[in-house]
Amino acid sequence: MINKEEQFVEGTIVEALPNTLFNVEIENPDTKEIETKLVYLSGKMRIHRIKVLVGDKVKIKVDPYGGRGRIVQRLK
C-alpha cells in the first residue's frame, strides 16, 4: 500500500554534481545536527529547465527508506 504522507524538508545546496545530482545540507530539527544528503531534480523541474545553483535553498521530498531525496521546489 502506498503511503500518502510525504515528508518535506528544506536545505541548502552545497555541491553540484553531474547528471543533475546535488549534495544538500539539511538540519535535523530533533538533534540540530547538519547532515549532507544526495538529491536529484524532479521531472517537472527538468522539463521546465529551472536552474538550481550552489547556495540556493530548496524544498526536498525525503525518501522514507533513506535513499536519495528529490528536489521539488527552489525557494526564494
N, C-alpha and C. Protein backbone atom coordinates (compact mmCIF):
# COMPACT_ATOMS: atom_id res chain seq x y z
N MET A 1 0.84 -1.17 0.00
CA MET A 1 0.00 0.00 0.00
C MET A 1 0.89 1.24 0.00
N ILE A 2 0.49 2.24 -0.74
CA ILE A 2 1.27 3.46 -0.87
C ILE A 2 0.96 4.40 0.29
N ASN A 3 2.00 4.93 0.89
CA ASN A 3 1.84 5.89 1.98
C ASN A 3 1.66 7.27 1.39
N LYS A 4 0.52 7.91 1.67
CA LYS A 4 0.22 9.23 1.11
C LYS A 4 0.91 10.35 1.87
N GLU A 5 1.39 10.08 3.08
CA GLU A 5 2.07 11.11 3.85
C GLU A 5 3.46 11.33 3.29
N GLU A 6 3.72 12.54 2.85
CA GLU A 6 5.01 12.86 2.27
C GLU A 6 5.78 13.74 3.25
N GLN A 7 7.06 13.49 3.35
CA GLN A 7 7.90 14.25 4.27
C GLN A 7 8.77 15.20 3.46
N PHE A 8 8.63 16.50 3.71
CA PHE A 8 9.41 17.51 3.03
C PHE A 8 10.31 18.21 4.03
N VAL A 9 11.53 18.53 3.60
CA VAL A 9 12.47 19.29 4.41
C VAL A 9 13.09 20.37 3.53
N GLU A 10 13.67 21.37 4.17
CA GLU A 10 14.36 22.43 3.44
C GLU A 10 15.85 22.30 3.68
N GLY A 11 16.61 22.64 2.65
CA GLY A 11 18.06 22.56 2.76
C GLY A 11 18.74 23.54 1.82
N THR A 12 20.06 23.57 1.87
CA THR A 12 20.87 24.45 1.04
C THR A 12 21.82 23.61 0.20
N ILE A 13 21.90 23.92 -1.09
CA ILE A 13 22.77 23.18 -2.00
C ILE A 13 24.22 23.54 -1.71
N VAL A 14 25.05 22.51 -1.51
CA VAL A 14 26.45 22.70 -1.19
C VAL A 14 27.33 22.42 -2.40
N GLU A 15 26.96 21.41 -3.19
CA GLU A 15 27.80 20.99 -4.31
C GLU A 15 26.92 20.50 -5.45
N ALA A 16 27.26 20.90 -6.68
CA ALA A 16 26.58 20.42 -7.88
C ALA A 16 27.41 19.30 -8.50
N LEU A 17 26.77 18.17 -8.77
CA LEU A 17 27.42 17.00 -9.34
C LEU A 17 26.87 16.75 -10.75
N PRO A 18 27.48 15.88 -11.54
CA PRO A 18 26.96 15.59 -12.88
C PRO A 18 25.58 14.93 -12.84
N ASN A 19 24.88 15.00 -13.97
CA ASN A 19 23.56 14.38 -14.15
C ASN A 19 22.52 14.90 -13.16
N THR A 20 22.51 16.20 -12.94
CA THR A 20 21.55 16.88 -12.06
C THR A 20 21.46 16.26 -10.66
N LEU A 21 22.60 15.85 -10.13
CA LEU A 21 22.70 15.40 -8.75
C LEU A 21 23.31 16.53 -7.93
N PHE A 22 22.91 16.63 -6.67
CA PHE A 22 23.39 17.69 -5.80
C PHE A 22 23.61 17.13 -4.40
N ASN A 23 24.58 17.72 -3.68
CA ASN A 23 24.74 17.48 -2.25
C ASN A 23 24.07 18.64 -1.54
N VAL A 24 23.17 18.33 -0.62
CA VAL A 24 22.39 19.35 0.08
C VAL A 24 22.58 19.18 1.57
N GLU A 25 22.79 20.30 2.28
CA GLU A 25 22.88 20.28 3.74
C GLU A 25 21.49 20.44 4.31
N ILE A 26 21.12 19.50 5.19
CA ILE A 26 19.81 19.52 5.84
C ILE A 26 20.03 19.53 7.34
N GLU A 27 19.31 20.43 8.05
CA GLU A 27 19.43 20.46 9.50
C GLU A 27 18.35 19.57 10.10
N ASN A 28 18.76 18.64 10.95
CA ASN A 28 17.84 17.74 11.63
C ASN A 28 17.17 18.53 12.77
N PRO A 29 15.83 18.68 12.75
CA PRO A 29 15.18 19.51 13.77
C PRO A 29 15.25 18.92 15.18
N ASP A 30 15.40 17.62 15.29
CA ASP A 30 15.44 16.99 16.62
C ASP A 30 16.78 17.18 17.31
N THR A 31 17.86 16.90 16.59
CA THR A 31 19.19 16.94 17.21
C THR A 31 19.99 18.19 16.84
N LYS A 32 19.48 19.01 15.95
CA LYS A 32 20.15 20.23 15.48
C LYS A 32 21.47 19.94 14.79
N GLU A 33 21.65 18.72 14.29
CA GLU A 33 22.85 18.37 13.54
C GLU A 33 22.62 18.61 12.06
N ILE A 34 23.68 18.98 11.36
CA ILE A 34 23.59 19.20 9.92
C ILE A 34 24.12 17.97 9.21
N GLU A 35 23.31 17.41 8.31
CA GLU A 35 23.73 16.25 7.54
C GLU A 35 23.70 16.58 6.06
N THR A 36 24.52 15.89 5.28
CA THR A 36 24.57 16.09 3.84
C THR A 36 23.85 14.93 3.17
N LYS A 37 22.96 15.25 2.23
CA LYS A 37 22.17 14.22 1.55
C LYS A 37 22.32 14.38 0.04
N LEU A 38 22.38 13.27 -0.67
CA LEU A 38 22.45 13.26 -2.13
C LEU A 38 21.03 13.35 -2.68
N VAL A 39 20.77 14.34 -3.54
CA VAL A 39 19.43 14.55 -4.09
C VAL A 39 19.51 14.74 -5.59
N TYR A 40 18.36 14.61 -6.26
CA TYR A 40 18.28 14.83 -7.70
C TYR A 40 17.10 15.74 -8.00
N LEU A 41 17.06 16.29 -9.22
CA LEU A 41 15.97 17.17 -9.63
C LEU A 41 14.73 16.36 -9.99
N SER A 42 13.56 16.91 -9.68
CA SER A 42 12.32 16.25 -10.07
C SER A 42 12.10 16.43 -11.57
N GLY A 43 11.23 15.62 -12.13
CA GLY A 43 10.96 15.65 -13.57
C GLY A 43 10.41 16.97 -14.06
N LYS A 44 9.49 17.58 -13.30
CA LYS A 44 8.89 18.85 -13.70
C LYS A 44 9.94 19.97 -13.73
N MET A 45 10.89 19.93 -12.81
CA MET A 45 11.94 20.95 -12.80
C MET A 45 12.86 20.77 -13.99
N ARG A 46 13.09 19.53 -14.41
CA ARG A 46 13.90 19.28 -15.61
C ARG A 46 13.17 19.74 -16.86
N ILE A 47 11.89 19.42 -16.97
CA ILE A 47 11.10 19.79 -18.15
C ILE A 47 11.06 21.30 -18.33
N HIS A 48 10.82 22.03 -17.23
CA HIS A 48 10.71 23.49 -17.30
C HIS A 48 12.06 24.19 -17.18
N ARG A 49 13.14 23.41 -17.14
CA ARG A 49 14.52 23.91 -17.12
C ARG A 49 14.77 24.94 -16.02
N ILE A 50 14.33 24.63 -14.83
CA ILE A 50 14.56 25.50 -13.68
C ILE A 50 16.00 25.31 -13.22
N LYS A 51 16.75 26.39 -13.20
CA LYS A 51 18.16 26.33 -12.83
C LYS A 51 18.31 26.32 -11.31
N VAL A 52 19.16 25.45 -10.83
CA VAL A 52 19.47 25.36 -9.41
C VAL A 52 20.98 25.48 -9.26
N LEU A 53 21.42 26.43 -8.44
CA LEU A 53 22.84 26.69 -8.27
C LEU A 53 23.28 26.45 -6.84
N VAL A 54 24.58 26.38 -6.63
CA VAL A 54 25.14 26.22 -5.29
C VAL A 54 24.75 27.43 -4.45
N GLY A 55 24.26 27.19 -3.25
CA GLY A 55 23.83 28.25 -2.36
C GLY A 55 22.32 28.47 -2.36
N ASP A 56 21.60 27.89 -3.32
CA ASP A 56 20.14 28.04 -3.36
C ASP A 56 19.50 27.22 -2.25
N LYS A 57 18.40 27.75 -1.71
CA LYS A 57 17.60 27.00 -0.74
C LYS A 57 16.55 26.23 -1.53
N VAL A 58 16.36 24.97 -1.18
CA VAL A 58 15.44 24.10 -1.91
C VAL A 58 14.56 23.32 -0.94
N LYS A 59 13.41 22.88 -1.46
CA LYS A 59 12.49 22.02 -0.73
C LYS A 59 12.68 20.60 -1.27
N ILE A 60 12.88 19.64 -0.38
CA ILE A 60 13.23 18.28 -0.77
C ILE A 60 12.20 17.30 -0.23
N LYS A 61 11.80 16.37 -1.09
CA LYS A 61 10.97 15.25 -0.65
C LYS A 61 11.92 14.12 -0.26
N VAL A 62 11.84 13.70 0.98
CA VAL A 62 12.77 12.72 1.51
C VAL A 62 12.23 11.31 1.28
N ASP A 63 13.10 10.42 0.82
CA ASP A 63 12.75 9.02 0.65
C ASP A 63 12.65 8.37 2.03
N PRO A 64 11.53 7.72 2.36
CA PRO A 64 11.38 7.15 3.70
C PRO A 64 12.34 5.99 3.98
N TYR A 65 12.95 5.43 2.95
CA TYR A 65 13.86 4.31 3.13
C TYR A 65 15.32 4.74 3.22
N GLY A 66 15.59 6.04 3.21
CA GLY A 66 16.94 6.52 3.41
C GLY A 66 17.77 6.66 2.15
N GLY A 67 17.17 6.57 0.98
CA GLY A 67 17.91 6.71 -0.27
C GLY A 67 18.06 8.17 -0.65
N ARG A 68 18.11 8.43 -1.93
CA ARG A 68 18.25 9.80 -2.41
C ARG A 68 16.96 10.58 -2.19
N GLY A 69 17.12 11.89 -2.04
CA GLY A 69 15.97 12.77 -1.96
C GLY A 69 15.69 13.37 -3.33
N ARG A 70 14.56 14.07 -3.46
CA ARG A 70 14.19 14.68 -4.73
C ARG A 70 13.89 16.16 -4.50
N ILE A 71 14.54 17.04 -5.27
CA ILE A 71 14.28 18.47 -5.18
C ILE A 71 12.96 18.75 -5.88
N VAL A 72 11.98 19.28 -5.15
CA VAL A 72 10.68 19.55 -5.74
C VAL A 72 10.41 21.04 -5.93
N GLN A 73 11.20 21.90 -5.25
CA GLN A 73 10.96 23.34 -5.38
C GLN A 73 12.22 24.11 -5.00
N ARG A 74 12.49 25.18 -5.75
CA ARG A 74 13.56 26.11 -5.38
C ARG A 74 12.92 27.25 -4.63
N LEU A 75 13.41 27.55 -3.44
CA LEU A 75 12.83 28.59 -2.61
C LEU A 75 13.52 29.92 -2.87
N LYS A 76 12.84 30.99 -2.56
CA LYS A 76 13.40 32.33 -2.77
C LYS A 76 14.17 32.79 -1.58
